[in-house]
Structure formats: C-alpha cells, structure tokens
Amino acid sequence: MQPTNDQRLWMYRQMVTSRHLEERIETIYMEGKTPVFNMAKGPIPGEMHLSNGQEPCAVGVCAHLGAEDVVVATHRPHHIAVAKGVDLDAMVAEIFGKATGLSGGRGGHMHIFDADVNFSCSGIIGESLGPAAGAALSRKIQGKPGVAVAFLGEGAANQGAFHEALNLASVWQLPVVFVIEDNAWGISVAKQAATAVPRNDLRASSYNMPGVHVADNDVEGVFAAAGEAISRARDGQGPTLIEIETSRLAGHFMGDSEDYRPEGEKAGLQSHDPIPRYRQALIEAGLLDEAADSRLVDEAHERVEAAIHFARESDFLPAEAALETVFV
C-alpha cells in the first residue's frame, strides 16, 4: 500500500508541526527551572516526555484513521495527538494547566483527552492495551463503525496487560491494532537487557494474529503496515501487532542526563532524523521544492505559535474548581 501525494504531504506537515511543538515546549518547560532544576517550577510544571524522532509512528498510522476511530496513546503522546487531529489550542492549554485546556488543565501532558476525535492517553505503562481492546469490543457488539489503535512502548510489551489484551483481541477477533514504538530504551533499560525476543512482532504468532516489523523509522513503511492492519480490522479479520523501529532523540523525560546511552548513540540517531530524511524524499519525488517546503514549515510553525500564545494568555481555573468533577 502506497500513500497518495496528498497523504505524503499531510504526513510531512504533521511531523513538522509535532517537532516544532516539542522544540518549543522543551524551551518553555525550562523557564524558571534553572539554575537548579526543579520540576515544580515554571509555566509547565511536572514531568515532560518528548517524542522527537518518533513522528513516523504517529503519521503512518493516523493517516488511515478518522474521528470515529479510537486511539489510546502513551505517556509520550504529543506526536500521536497532533496526527489524530486533537484540537491544538486546547491541547497546548492543557499542557500549560490552563482552564481552556481539554480537561481544564487538570490532566496535563500525560492525560490528554479529546472526545471529539476519540483520543486519550495515560502515564501508566501499558495502559493503552485494555481500553483500546475494550473500545474495539464495544464497536463490534454495537455494530458501530471504527477501529481502535493502542500505542505502546517496547517495554510495555513485557507487562501482563499486553498478553491479556492480545489474547482476548484474538479470541474475539476485535477490530484493534497494537502498535509498538520500539525506541530501544525502556526509560534507561536497553531492550535487549529486558526482553527475551529480539522483536516483539514475533510474539504475535502466540496469539494467532499477524505480526509486522517496520525497520529504520520508515514513514511510508509504517503507512503500508498500518494500512493493511487497519483494513483487516475494518473488514472483520481481527487484530494485528506492529512493531516499529523508531528513535527517541531526547531523554526519557526532560532533565534526563542520558548517561546510560552508549557514547555516540545519540549523535548517530540525530544524523538519521526522520524529518529531514522524508523532506529529501519528497523533494526527490518532485512533491516539494525549497519554496514550497519553506511555506509549509512556516505555516506549521505559525500554527504552533498561535496555540502557545493561546495557552499563555489563558487563565488558570479558580481554586474552588479543585472540588469540581470529583465524586464525593
């Protein structure tokens, strides 16, 4: 399955938008947190997990999805939220903890929820698996359209929920796709030190479902694998497991010293950044030239800056709102 030219340009635009958002968040996050790093300080308090480098996983999958399809993402969710069409102003306001955020600023960056496009995420490792399988089951029982996609990291494939969700998804032939973003590091633990199999897609055969491996953080390779898996799900042929070799260009979280990385690894990953690689591929295909690329990048950056301005100018909820949406 090959993307159309419009899909290629859409994927590139979403990747550029996501990357600029992350780069701006990285800068803003550090405001007020120096000279001594304090996670509680600054306009964006709390933990922050950036997804720079993992953009192909999001766009290659979400290019096949509509608002009726369900996506449940991880604690590293921004690239997936952008690609799924989450309201950018409200998402950035949520990251800033503002009243205009998707959840009034109560959830923050690891708990983005947008019912309009059926997107959610969680800070709990492996949490996406059960809710995605449940969403797929509800659609099957009710005869409603739509498939579900669970994104997870390679470390989450060692959680018990992984095996439970895949087993039931196969038993019930659910319209769900499990997408593993294999960035080689479960926080600071290398994949080969914690996982007995070299590739998690090999585990699919244990649950009688197709397993697909996408190498080299390849945007169109992800698109092809996801397209086939989502088509199978829509046609009632059950679940698929996809593992994507991707790269985490930043640390596990903001403030991570990354001392665990072998010398030279990060520089090597940055030299293989998927965005300039895809940009060059589009230029060689005649879909972009320097002027068109400059316009696309400027438009993406302007959209991000507008969302950041909206978030900065928005108010926080009043103190008494802490008692709202709480069951007593």
C-alpha atoms as a PDB file:
ATOM      1  CA  MET A   1       0.000   0.000   0.000  1.00  0.00           C
ATOM      2  CA  GLN A   2       1.467   3.308  -1.125  1.00  0.00           C
ATOM      3  CA  PRO A   3       0.376   6.747   0.084  1.00  0.00           C
ATOM      4  CA  THR A   4      -1.039   9.280  -2.337  1.00  0.00           C
ATOM      5  CA  ASN A   5       0.860  12.506  -2.898  1.00  0.00           C
ATOM      6  CA  ASP A   6      -1.639  14.334  -0.696  1.00  0.00           C
ATOM      7  CA  GLN A   7      -1.086  11.783   2.067  1.00  0.00           C
ATOM      8  CA  ARG A   8       2.690  12.167   1.760  1.00  0.00           C
ATOM      9  CA  LEU A   9       2.457  15.923   2.176  1.00  0.00           C
ATOM     10  CA  TRP A  10      -0.031  15.542   5.035  1.00  0.00           C
ATOM     11  CA  MET A  11       2.323  13.191   6.886  1.00  0.00           C
ATOM     12  CA  TYR A  12       5.256  15.555   6.422  1.00  0.00           C
ATOM     13  CA  ARG A  13       3.195  18.540   7.617  1.00  0.00           C
ATOM     14  CA  GLN A  14       2.100  16.722  10.782  1.00  0.00           C
ATOM     15  CA  MET A  15       5.681  15.640  11.503  1.00  0.00           C
ATOM     16  CA  VAL A  16       6.932  19.212  11.135  1.00  0.00           C
ATOM     17  CA  THR A  17       4.110  20.534  13.327  1.00  0.00           C
ATOM     18  CA  SER A  18       4.762  17.968  16.035  1.00  0.00           C
ATOM     19  CA  ARG A  19       8.502  18.573  16.044  1.00  0.00           C
ATOM     20  CA  HIS A  20       8.170  22.344  16.320  1.00  0.00           C
ATOM     21  CA  LEU A  21       5.646  21.941  19.126  1.00  0.00           C
ATOM     22  CA  GLU A  22       8.048  19.697  21.016  1.00  0.00           C
ATOM     23  CA  GLU A  23      11.012  22.013  20.472  1.00  0.00           C
ATOM     24  CA  ARG A  24       9.029  24.983  21.765  1.00  0.00           C
ATOM     25  CA  ILE A  25       7.741  23.015  24.745  1.00  0.00           C
ATOM     26  CA  GLU A  26      11.329  21.984  25.525  1.00  0.00           C
ATOM     27  CA  THR A  27      12.370  25.637  25.717  1.00  0.00           C
ATOM     28  CA  ILE A  28       9.317  26.836  27.623  1.00  0.00           C
ATOM     29  CA  TYR A  29       9.449  23.915  30.047  1.00  0.00           C
ATOM     30  CA  MET A  30      12.882  25.019  31.274  1.00  0.00           C
ATOM     31  CA  GLU A  31      11.708  28.565  32.088  1.00  0.00           C
ATOM     32  CA  GLY A  32      12.094  29.085  35.828  1.00  0.00           C
ATOM     33  CA  LYS A  33      13.752  25.707  36.341  1.00  0.00           C
ATOM     34  CA  THR A  34      17.330  26.939  36.391  1.00  0.00           C
ATOM     35  CA  PRO A  35      19.991  27.226  37.747  1.00  0.00           C
ATOM     36  CA  VAL A  36      18.839  24.289  39.906  1.00  0.00           C
ATOM     37  CA  PHE A  37      16.378  22.036  38.108  1.00  0.00           C
ATOM     38  CA  ASN A  38      13.057  21.912  39.923  1.00  0.00           C
ATOM     39  CA  MET A  39      10.265  20.043  38.166  1.00  0.00           C
ATOM     40  CA  ALA A  40       7.579  22.028  40.001  1.00  0.00           C
ATOM     41  CA  LYS A  41       8.713  25.429  38.717  1.00  0.00           C
ATOM     42  CA  GLY A  42       7.965  27.320  35.535  1.00  0.00           C
ATOM     43  CA  PRO A  43       4.935  27.657  33.245  1.00  0.00           C
ATOM     44  CA  ILE A  44       4.811  23.886  32.608  1.00  0.00           C
ATOM     45  CA  PRO A  45       5.302  22.077  35.935  1.00  0.00           C
ATOM     46  CA  GLY A  46       5.619  18.331  36.339  1.00  0.00           C
ATOM     47  CA  GLU A  47       7.230  15.702  34.148  1.00  0.00           C
ATOM     48  CA  MET A  48       7.597  16.156  30.398  1.00  0.00           C
ATOM     49  CA  HIS A  49       8.175  13.371  27.864  1.00  0.00           C
ATOM     50  CA  LEU A  50       9.086  14.476  24.358  1.00  0.00           C
ATOM     51  CA  SER A  51       8.512  12.360  21.255  1.00  0.00           C
ATOM     52  CA  ASN A  52      11.115  13.885  18.929  1.00  0.00           C
ATOM     53  CA  GLY A  53      12.164  11.190  16.468  1.00  0.00           C
ATOM     54  CA  GLN A  54       9.031   9.059  16.820  1.00  0.00           C
ATOM     55  CA  GLU A  55       6.857  11.105  14.449  1.00  0.00           C
ATOM     56  CA  PRO A  56       6.739   8.424  11.695  1.00  0.00           C
ATOM     57  CA  CYS A  57       4.892   6.068  14.063  1.00  0.00           C
ATOM     58  CA  ALA A  58       2.085   8.566  14.512  1.00  0.00           C
ATOM     59  CA  VAL A  59       1.570   9.850  10.997  1.00  0.00           C
ATOM     60  CA  GLY A  60       1.914   6.492   9.277  1.00  0.00           C
ATOM     61  CA  VAL A  61      -0.889   5.071  11.416  1.00  0.00           C
ATOM     62  CA  CYS A  62      -3.173   8.088  11.767  1.00  0.00           C
ATOM     63  CA  ALA A  63      -3.174   8.749   8.020  1.00  0.00           C
ATOM     64  CA  HIS A  64      -5.642   5.833   7.843  1.00  0.00           C
ATOM     65  CA  LEU A  65      -7.894   6.939  10.709  1.00  0.00           C
ATOM     66  CA  GLY A  66     -10.911   9.175  11.065  1.00  0.00           C
ATOM     67  CA  ALA A  67     -12.570  10.860  14.029  1.00  0.00           C
ATOM     68  CA  GLU A  68     -14.731   7.754  14.644  1.00  0.00           C
ATOM     69  CA  ASP A  69     -11.636   5.600  15.193  1.00  0.00           C
ATOM     70  CA  VAL A  70     -10.244   5.306  18.708  1.00  0.00           C
ATOM     71  CA  VAL A  71      -6.596   5.934  19.594  1.00  0.00           C
ATOM     72  CA  VAL A  72      -5.171   5.288  23.048  1.00  0.00           C
ATOM     73  CA  ALA A  73      -1.604   6.561  23.390  1.00  0.00           C
ATOM     74  CA  THR A  74       1.182   6.544  25.956  1.00  0.00           C
ATOM     75  CA  HIS A  75       2.850   8.966  28.353  1.00  0.00           C
ATOM     76  CA  ARG A  76       4.757  10.257  25.270  1.00  0.00           C
ATOM     77  CA  PRO A  77       1.691  11.338  23.311  1.00  0.00           C
ATOM     78  CA  HIS A  78       2.120  14.687  21.532  1.00  0.00           C
ATOM     79  CA  HIS A  79       3.079  13.392  18.081  1.00  0.00           C
ATOM     80  CA  ILE A  80       0.137  10.983  18.082  1.00  0.00           C
ATOM     81  CA  ALA A  81      -2.314  13.626  19.316  1.00  0.00           C
ATOM     82  CA  VAL A  82      -1.234  16.021  16.563  1.00  0.00           C
ATOM     83  CA  ALA A  83      -1.610  13.329  13.899  1.00  0.00           C
ATOM     84  CA  LYS A  84      -5.027  12.237  15.245  1.00  0.00           C
ATOM     85  CA  GLY A  85      -6.355  15.783  14.944  1.00  0.00           C
ATOM     86  CA  VAL A  86      -6.625  16.731  18.611  1.00  0.00           C
ATOM     87  CA  ASP A  87      -7.517  20.414  18.981  1.00  0.00           C
ATOM     88  CA  LEU A  88      -4.088  22.050  19.155  1.00  0.00           C
ATOM     89  CA  ASP A  89      -5.070  25.164  21.102  1.00  0.00           C
ATOM     90  CA  ALA A  90      -6.871  23.149  23.757  1.00  0.00           C
ATOM     91  CA  MET A  91      -4.079  20.551  23.897  1.00  0.00           C
ATOM     92  CA  VAL A  92      -1.345  23.111  24.458  1.00  0.00           C
ATOM     93  CA  ALA A  93      -3.502  24.880  27.042  1.00  0.00           C
ATOM     94  CA  GLU A  94      -3.905  21.537  28.808  1.00  0.00           C
ATOM     95  CA  ILE A  95      -0.123  21.085  28.826  1.00  0.00           C
ATOM     96  CA  PHE A  96       0.136  24.533  30.448  1.00  0.00           C
ATOM     97  CA  GLY A  97      -2.514  23.549  33.006  1.00  0.00           C
ATOM     98  CA  LYS A  98      -4.954  26.233  31.875  1.00  0.00           C
ATOM     99  CA  ALA A  99      -8.743  26.390  32.146  1.00  0.00           C
ATOM    100  CA  THR A 100      -9.085  26.407  28.357  1.00  0.00           C
ATOM    101  CA  GLY A 101      -7.342  23.038  28.156  1.00  0.00           C
ATOM    102  CA  LEU A 102      -9.006  19.833  27.060  1.00  0.00           C
ATOM    103  CA  SER A 103      -9.670  18.893  30.699  1.00  0.00           C
ATOM    104  CA  GLY A 104      -9.483  22.359  32.196  1.00  0.00           C
ATOM    105  CA  GLY A 105      -5.786  21.894  32.888  1.00  0.00           C
ATOM    106  CA  ARG A 106      -6.433  19.024  35.293  1.00  0.00           C
ATOM    107  CA  GLY A 107      -4.756  16.291  33.271  1.00  0.00           C
ATOM    108  CA  GLY A 108      -1.596  17.830  31.894  1.00  0.00           C
ATOM    109  CA  HIS A 109       0.544  16.433  29.137  1.00  0.00           C
ATOM    110  CA  MET A 110       0.236  12.729  30.050  1.00  0.00           C
ATOM    111  CA  HIS A 111      -3.562  12.738  30.251  1.00  0.00           C
ATOM    112  CA  ILE A 112      -4.701  14.356  27.022  1.00  0.00           C
ATOM    113  CA  PHE A 113      -8.324  13.541  26.232  1.00  0.00           C
ATOM    114  CA  ASP A 114     -10.311  14.744  23.234  1.00  0.00           C
ATOM    115  CA  ALA A 115     -13.673  13.016  22.818  1.00  0.00           C
ATOM    116  CA  ASP A 116     -14.310  14.802  19.523  1.00  0.00           C
ATOM    117  CA  VAL A 117     -11.620  12.716  17.826  1.00  0.00           C
ATOM    118  CA  ASN A 118     -11.652   9.725  20.220  1.00  0.00           C
ATOM    119  CA  PHE A 119      -8.141  10.301  21.551  1.00  0.00           C
ATOM    120  CA  SER A 120      -6.795   9.582  25.023  1.00  0.00           C
ATOM    121  CA  CYS A 121      -3.514   8.721  26.703  1.00  0.00           C
ATOM    122  CA  SER A 122      -2.138   7.838  30.111  1.00  0.00           C
ATOM    123  CA  GLY A 123       1.011   7.928  32.186  1.00  0.00           C
ATOM    124  CA  ILE A 124       0.590   4.277  33.208  1.00  0.00           C
ATOM    125  CA  ILE A 125       2.845   1.863  31.309  1.00  0.00           C
ATOM    126  CA  GLY A 126       0.834  -0.473  29.103  1.00  0.00           C
ATOM    127  CA  GLU A 127      -2.434   1.277  29.972  1.00  0.00           C
ATOM    128  CA  SER A 128      -3.429   1.701  26.318  1.00  0.00           C
ATOM    129  CA  LEU A 129      -3.956  -2.012  25.689  1.00  0.00           C
ATOM    130  CA  GLY A 130      -7.110  -2.723  27.688  1.00  0.00           C
ATOM    131  CA  PRO A 131      -9.023   0.447  26.771  1.00  0.00           C
ATOM    132  CA  ALA A 132      -8.273   0.011  23.060  1.00  0.00           C
ATOM    133  CA  ALA A 133      -9.403  -3.621  23.147  1.00  0.00           C
ATOM    134  CA  GLY A 134     -12.493  -2.541  25.082  1.00  0.00           C
ATOM    135  CA  ALA A 135     -13.312   0.187  22.567  1.00  0.00           C
ATOM    136  CA  ALA A 136     -12.965  -2.338  19.747  1.00  0.00           C
ATOM    137  CA  LEU A 137     -15.222  -4.799  21.608  1.00  0.00           C
ATOM    138  CA  SER A 138     -17.888  -2.153  22.160  1.00  0.00           C
ATOM    139  CA  ARG A 139     -17.908  -1.291  18.474  1.00  0.00           C
ATOM    140  CA  LYS A 140     -18.184  -4.936  17.497  1.00  0.00           C
ATOM    141  CA  ILE A 141     -21.051  -5.609  19.914  1.00  0.00           C
ATOM    142  CA  GLN A 142     -22.954  -2.474  18.903  1.00  0.00           C
ATOM    143  CA  GLY A 143     -22.242  -2.800  15.206  1.00  0.00           C
ATOM    144  CA  LYS A 144     -20.714   0.671  15.199  1.00  0.00           C
ATOM    145  CA  PRO A 145     -18.046   1.735  12.696  1.00  0.00           C
ATOM    146  CA  GLY A 146     -14.473   2.390  13.654  1.00  0.00           C
ATOM    147  CA  VAL A 147     -11.359   0.562  14.726  1.00  0.00           C
ATOM    148  CA  ALA A 148      -9.171   1.041  17.785  1.00  0.00           C
ATOM    149  CA  VAL A 149      -5.405   1.521  17.962  1.00  0.00           C
ATOM    150  CA  ALA A 150      -3.256   1.055  21.056  1.00  0.00           C
ATOM    151  CA  PHE A 151       0.174   2.662  21.007  1.00  0.00           C
ATOM    152  CA  LEU A 152       2.735   1.357  23.489  1.00  0.00           C
ATOM    153  CA  GLY A 153       6.473   1.267  24.019  1.00  0.00           C
ATOM    154  CA  GLU A 154       8.612  -1.841  23.647  1.00  0.00           C
ATOM    155  CA  GLY A 155       8.996  -2.020  27.420  1.00  0.00           C
ATOM    156  CA  ALA A 156       5.219  -2.204  27.857  1.00  0.00           C
ATOM    157  CA  ALA A 157       5.203  -5.429  25.818  1.00  0.00           C
ATOM    158  CA  ASN A 158       6.540  -7.138  28.953  1.00  0.00           C
ATOM    159  CA  GLN A 159       3.521  -6.094  31.017  1.00  0.00           C
ATOM    160  CA  GLY A 160       0.850  -8.635  31.813  1.00  0.00           C
ATOM    161  CA  ALA A 161      -1.792  -6.431  30.183  1.00  0.00           C
ATOM    162  CA  PHE A 162      -0.039  -6.914  26.828  1.00  0.00           C
ATOM    163  CA  HIS A 163      -0.634 -10.645  26.842  1.00  0.00           C
ATOM    164  CA  GLU A 164      -4.157 -10.399  28.230  1.00  0.00           C
ATOM    165  CA  ALA A 165      -5.228  -7.809  25.646  1.00  0.00           C
ATOM    166  CA  LEU A 166      -3.692  -9.634  22.674  1.00  0.00           C
ATOM    167  CA  ASN A 167      -5.192 -12.934  23.748  1.00  0.00           C
ATOM    168  CA  LEU A 168      -8.738 -11.610  24.090  1.00  0.00           C
ATOM    169  CA  ALA A 169      -8.449  -9.460  20.958  1.00  0.00           C
ATOM    170  CA  SER A 170      -7.628 -12.605  19.006  1.00  0.00           C
ATOM    171  CA  VAL A 171     -10.216 -14.811  20.706  1.00  0.00           C
ATOM    172  CA  TRP A 172     -12.942 -12.243  19.967  1.00  0.00           C
ATOM    173  CA  GLN A 173     -11.473 -11.144  16.597  1.00  0.00           C
ATOM    174  CA  LEU A 174     -11.614  -7.494  17.596  1.00  0.00           C
ATOM    175  CA  PRO A 175     -11.025  -4.571  15.214  1.00  0.00           C
ATOM    176  CA  VAL A 176      -7.919  -3.384  17.034  1.00  0.00           C
ATOM    177  CA  VAL A 177      -4.309  -2.726  16.062  1.00  0.00           C
ATOM    178  CA  PHE A 178      -1.478  -2.812  18.592  1.00  0.00           C
ATOM    179  CA  VAL A 179       1.416  -0.514  17.645  1.00  0.00           C
ATOM    180  CA  ILE A 180       4.724  -0.822  19.500  1.00  0.00           C
ATOM    181  CA  GLU A 181       7.035   2.176  19.242  1.00  0.00           C
ATOM    182  CA  ASP A 182      10.395   0.490  19.772  1.00  0.00           C
ATOM    183  CA  ASN A 183      12.828   3.264  20.638  1.00  0.00           C
ATOM    184  CA  ALA A 184      15.215   0.689  22.193  1.00  0.00           C
ATOM    185  CA  TRP A 185      15.018   2.140  25.708  1.00  0.00           C
ATOM    186  CA  GLY A 186      12.526   1.421  28.479  1.00  0.00           C
ATOM    187  CA  ILE A 187      13.421   4.574  30.431  1.00  0.00           C
ATOM    188  CA  SER A 188      17.119   3.720  30.922  1.00  0.00           C
ATOM    189  CA  VAL A 189      16.975  -0.043  30.350  1.00  0.00           C
ATOM    190  CA  ALA A 190      18.079  -1.304  26.945  1.00  0.00           C
ATOM    191  CA  LYS A 191      15.570  -3.510  25.157  1.00  0.00           C
ATOM    192  CA  GLN A 192      17.974  -6.442  24.853  1.00  0.00           C
ATOM    193  CA  ALA A 193      18.535  -6.392  28.618  1.00  0.00           C
ATOM    194  CA  ALA A 194      14.836  -6.796  29.429  1.00  0.00           C
ATOM    195  CA  THR A 195      13.158  -8.605  26.532  1.00  0.00           C
ATOM    196  CA  ALA A 196      13.812 -12.235  25.613  1.00  0.00           C
ATOM    197  CA  VAL A 197      12.843 -11.919  21.943  1.00  0.00           C
ATOM    198  CA  PRO A 198      14.729  -9.662  19.523  1.00  0.00           C
ATOM    199  CA  ARG A 199      11.490  -8.270  18.069  1.00  0.00           C
ATOM    200  CA  ASN A 200       8.089  -8.054  19.707  1.00  0.00           C
ATOM    201  CA  ASP A 201       6.205  -8.631  16.459  1.00  0.00           C
ATOM    202  CA  LEU A 202       7.363 -12.254  16.795  1.00  0.00           C
ATOM    203  CA  ARG A 203       5.059 -12.563  19.792  1.00  0.00           C
ATOM    204  CA  ALA A 204       2.008 -12.119  17.555  1.00  0.00           C
ATOM    205  CA  SER A 205       2.097 -15.756  16.477  1.00  0.00           C
ATOM    206  CA  SER A 206       1.463 -16.789  20.088  1.00  0.00           C
ATOM    207  CA  TYR A 207      -1.930 -15.103  19.795  1.00  0.00           C
ATOM    208  CA  ASN A 208      -2.788 -16.206  16.261  1.00  0.00           C
ATOM    209  CA  MET A 209      -2.568 -12.758  14.715  1.00  0.00           C
ATOM    210  CA  PRO A 210      -0.273 -11.200  12.089  1.00  0.00           C
ATOM    211  CA  GLY A 211       2.914  -9.610  13.359  1.00  0.00           C
ATOM    212  CA  VAL A 212       4.632  -6.942  11.273  1.00  0.00           C
ATOM    213  CA  HIS A 213       8.028  -5.334  11.745  1.00  0.00           C
ATOM    214  CA  VAL A 214       8.853  -1.915  10.291  1.00  0.00           C
ATOM    215  CA  ALA A 215      12.564  -1.116  10.219  1.00  0.00           C
ATOM    216  CA  ASP A 216      14.521   2.133  10.073  1.00  0.00           C
ATOM    217  CA  ASN A 217      11.826   4.563  11.303  1.00  0.00           C
ATOM    218  CA  ASP A 218      10.442   4.492   7.763  1.00  0.00           C
ATOM    219  CA  VAL A 219       7.396   6.769   7.350  1.00  0.00           C
ATOM    220  CA  GLU A 220       5.986   5.010   4.316  1.00  0.00           C
ATOM    221  CA  GLY A 221       6.848   1.596   5.725  1.00  0.00           C
ATOM    222  CA  VAL A 222       4.675   2.453   8.735  1.00  0.00           C
ATOM    223  CA  PHE A 223       1.955   3.737   6.400  1.00  0.00           C
ATOM    224  CA  ALA A 224       1.928   0.464   4.444  1.00  0.00           C
ATOM    225  CA  ALA A 225       1.906  -1.802   7.503  1.00  0.00           C
ATOM    226  CA  ALA A 226      -0.755   0.241   9.287  1.00  0.00           C
ATOM    227  CA  GLY A 227      -2.902   0.488   6.185  1.00  0.00           C
ATOM    228  CA  GLU A 228      -3.043  -3.271   5.792  1.00  0.00           C
ATOM    229  CA  ALA A 229      -3.672  -3.848   9.506  1.00  0.00           C
ATOM    230  CA  ILE A 230      -6.432  -1.247   9.725  1.00  0.00           C
ATOM    231  CA  SER A 231      -8.076  -2.591   6.567  1.00  0.00           C
ATOM    232  CA  ARG A 232      -8.065  -6.096   8.080  1.00  0.00           C
ATOM    233  CA  ALA A 233      -9.645  -4.732  11.246  1.00  0.00           C
ATOM    234  CA  ARG A 234     -12.340  -2.858   9.328  1.00  0.00           C
ATOM    235  CA  ASP A 235     -13.117  -5.992   7.315  1.00  0.00           C
ATOM    236  CA  GLY A 236     -13.704  -8.066  10.449  1.00  0.00           C
ATOM    237  CA  GLN A 237     -10.456 -10.035  10.165  1.00  0.00           C
ATOM    238  CA  GLY A 238      -9.284  -9.258  13.674  1.00  0.00           C
ATOM    239  CA  PRO A 239      -6.228  -7.694  15.293  1.00  0.00           C
ATOM    240  CA  THR A 240      -2.662  -7.091  14.158  1.00  0.00           C
ATOM    241  CA  LEU A 241       0.544  -6.395  16.084  1.00  0.00           C
ATOM    242  CA  ILE A 242       3.014  -3.937  14.549  1.00  0.00           C
ATOM    243  CA  GLU A 243       6.450  -3.123  15.948  1.00  0.00           C
ATOM    244  CA  ILE A 244       8.185  -0.024  14.564  1.00  0.00           C
ATOM    245  CA  GLU A 245      11.902   0.602  14.943  1.00  0.00           C
ATOM    246  CA  THR A 246      11.976   4.259  15.906  1.00  0.00           C
ATOM    247  CA  SER A 247      14.258   6.595  17.832  1.00  0.00           C
ATOM    248  CA  ARG A 248      13.922   8.754  20.903  1.00  0.00           C
ATOM    249  CA  LEU A 249      16.060  11.791  20.117  1.00  0.00           C
ATOM    250  CA  ALA A 250      15.560  13.277  23.587  1.00  0.00           C
ATOM    251  CA  GLY A 251      15.857  11.694  27.012  1.00  0.00           C
ATOM    252  CA  HIS A 252      13.133   9.668  28.644  1.00  0.00           C
ATOM    253  CA  PHE A 253      11.958  12.887  30.312  1.00  0.00           C
ATOM    254  CA  MET A 254      13.083  16.491  30.470  1.00  0.00           C
ATOM    255  CA  GLY A 255      16.028  16.621  32.853  1.00  0.00           C
ATOM    256  CA  ASP A 256      17.207  13.105  31.971  1.00  0.00           C
ATOM    257  CA  SER A 257      21.031  13.091  31.901  1.00  0.00           C
ATOM    258  CA  GLU A 258      21.008  10.143  29.450  1.00  0.00           C
ATOM    259  CA  ASP A 259      24.203   8.748  30.982  1.00  0.00           C
ATOM    260  CA  TYR A 260      23.011   5.250  30.114  1.00  0.00           C
ATOM    261  CA  ARG A 261      23.332   5.791  26.356  1.00  0.00           C
ATOM    262  CA  PRO A 262      26.493   4.397  24.723  1.00  0.00           C
ATOM    263  CA  GLU A 263      28.886   7.064  23.517  1.00  0.00           C
ATOM    264  CA  GLY A 264      27.943   8.304  20.071  1.00  0.00           C
ATOM    265  CA  GLU A 265      24.468   6.747  20.015  1.00  0.00           C
ATOM    266  CA  LYS A 266      22.537   9.982  20.283  1.00  0.00           C
ATOM    267  CA  ALA A 267      24.607  11.734  17.637  1.00  0.00           C
ATOM    268  CA  GLY A 268      24.033   8.794  15.320  1.00  0.00           C
ATOM    269  CA  LEU A 269      20.288   8.952  15.848  1.00  0.00           C
ATOM    270  CA  GLN A 270      20.200  12.681  15.223  1.00  0.00           C
ATOM    271  CA  SER A 271      22.091  12.234  11.958  1.00  0.00           C
ATOM    272  CA  HIS A 272      19.302   9.839  10.920  1.00  0.00           C
ATOM    273  CA  ASP A 273      16.469  12.198  11.904  1.00  0.00           C
ATOM    274  CA  PRO A 274      13.308  11.066  10.057  1.00  0.00           C
ATOM    275  CA  ILE A 275      12.038  14.552   9.222  1.00  0.00           C
ATOM    276  CA  PRO A 276      14.918  15.783   7.033  1.00  0.00           C
ATOM    277  CA  ARG A 277      15.092  12.295   5.500  1.00  0.00           C
ATOM    278  CA  TYR A 278      11.437  12.449   4.497  1.00  0.00           C
ATOM    279  CA  ARG A 279      11.776  16.029   3.319  1.00  0.00           C
ATOM    280  CA  GLN A 280      14.572  14.950   0.978  1.00  0.00           C
ATOM    281  CA  ALA A 281      12.497  12.029  -0.291  1.00  0.00           C
ATOM    282  CA  LEU A 282       9.618  14.370  -1.104  1.00  0.00           C
ATOM    283  CA  ILE A 283      11.941  16.768  -2.912  1.00  0.00           C
ATOM    284  CA  GLU A 284      13.388  13.920  -4.962  1.00  0.00           C
ATOM    285  CA  ALA A 285       9.833  12.784  -5.781  1.00  0.00           C
ATOM    286  CA  GLY A 286       9.016  16.270  -7.078  1.00  0.00           C
ATOM    287  CA  LEU A 287       6.412  16.920  -4.373  1.00  0.00           C
ATOM    288  CA  LEU A 288       8.379  19.683  -2.682  1.00  0.00           C
ATOM    289  CA  ASP A 289      10.856  22.359  -3.638  1.00  0.00           C
ATOM    290  CA  GLU A 290      12.638  24.779  -1.354  1.00  0.00           C
ATOM    291  CA  ALA A 291       9.948  27.444  -1.659  1.00  0.00           C
ATOM    292  CA  ALA A 292       7.058  25.049  -1.030  1.00  0.00           C
ATOM    293  CA  ASP A 293       8.873  23.484   1.905  1.00  0.00           C
ATOM    294  CA  SER A 294       9.548  26.898   3.401  1.00  0.00           C
ATOM    295  CA  ARG A 295       5.855  27.806   3.158  1.00  0.00           C
ATOM    296  CA  LEU A 296       4.768  24.521   4.700  1.00  0.00           C
ATOM    297  CA  VAL A 297       7.226  24.861   7.578  1.00  0.00           C
ATOM    298  CA  ASP A 298       6.256  28.499   8.187  1.00  0.00           C
ATOM    299  CA  GLU A 299       2.555  27.590   8.289  1.00  0.00           C
ATOM    300  CA  ALA A 300       3.182  24.732  10.716  1.00  0.00           C
ATOM    301  CA  HIS A 301       5.291  26.947  12.958  1.00  0.00           C
ATOM    302  CA  GLU A 302       2.694  29.732  12.895  1.00  0.00           C
ATOM    303  CA  ARG A 303       0.007  27.260  13.964  1.00  0.00           C
ATOM    304  CA  VAL A 304       2.109  26.095  16.894  1.00  0.00           C
ATOM    305  CA  GLU A 305       2.987  29.638  17.941  1.00  0.00           C
ATOM    306  CA  ALA A 306      -0.706  30.585  17.861  1.00  0.00           C
ATOM    307  CA  ALA A 307      -1.520  27.652  20.148  1.00  0.00           C
ATOM    308  CA  ILE A 308       1.261  28.618  22.561  1.00  0.00           C
ATOM    309  CA  HIS A 309       0.042  32.226  22.617  1.00  0.00           C
ATOM    310  CA  PHE A 310      -3.491  30.996  23.322  1.00  0.00           C
ATOM    311  CA  ALA A 311      -2.225  28.866  26.197  1.00  0.00           C
ATOM    312  CA  ARG A 312      -0.056  31.571  27.730  1.00  0.00           C
ATOM    313  CA  GLU A 313      -2.902  34.100  27.613  1.00  0.00           C
ATOM    314  CA  SER A 314      -5.469  31.707  29.086  1.00  0.00           C
ATOM    315  CA  ASP A 315      -6.381  31.774  32.761  1.00  0.00           C
ATOM    316  CA  PHE A 316      -5.996  29.031  35.318  1.00  0.00           C
ATOM    317  CA  LEU A 317      -9.107  27.570  36.894  1.00  0.00           C
ATOM    318  CA  PRO A 318     -10.091  29.246  40.172  1.00  0.00           C
ATOM    319  CA  ALA A 319      -9.015  27.469  43.333  1.00  0.00           C
ATOM    320  CA  GLU A 320     -12.554  26.328  44.141  1.00  0.00           C
ATOM    321  CA  ALA A 321     -12.619  24.339  40.873  1.00  0.00           C
ATOM    322  CA  ALA A 322     -10.406  21.775  42.628  1.00  0.00           C
ATOM    323  CA  LEU A 323     -13.642  20.420  44.143  1.00  0.00           C
ATOM    324  CA  GLU A 324     -15.373  20.058  40.794  1.00  0.00           C
ATOM    325  CA  THR A 325     -15.514  16.806  38.782  1.00  0.00           C
ATOM    326  CA  VAL A 326     -14.676  14.928  42.000  1.00  0.00           C
ATOM    327  CA  PHE A 327     -17.021  12.241  43.292  1.00  0.00           C
ATOM    328  CA  VAL A 328     -17.756  12.662  46.993  1.00  0.00           C
END
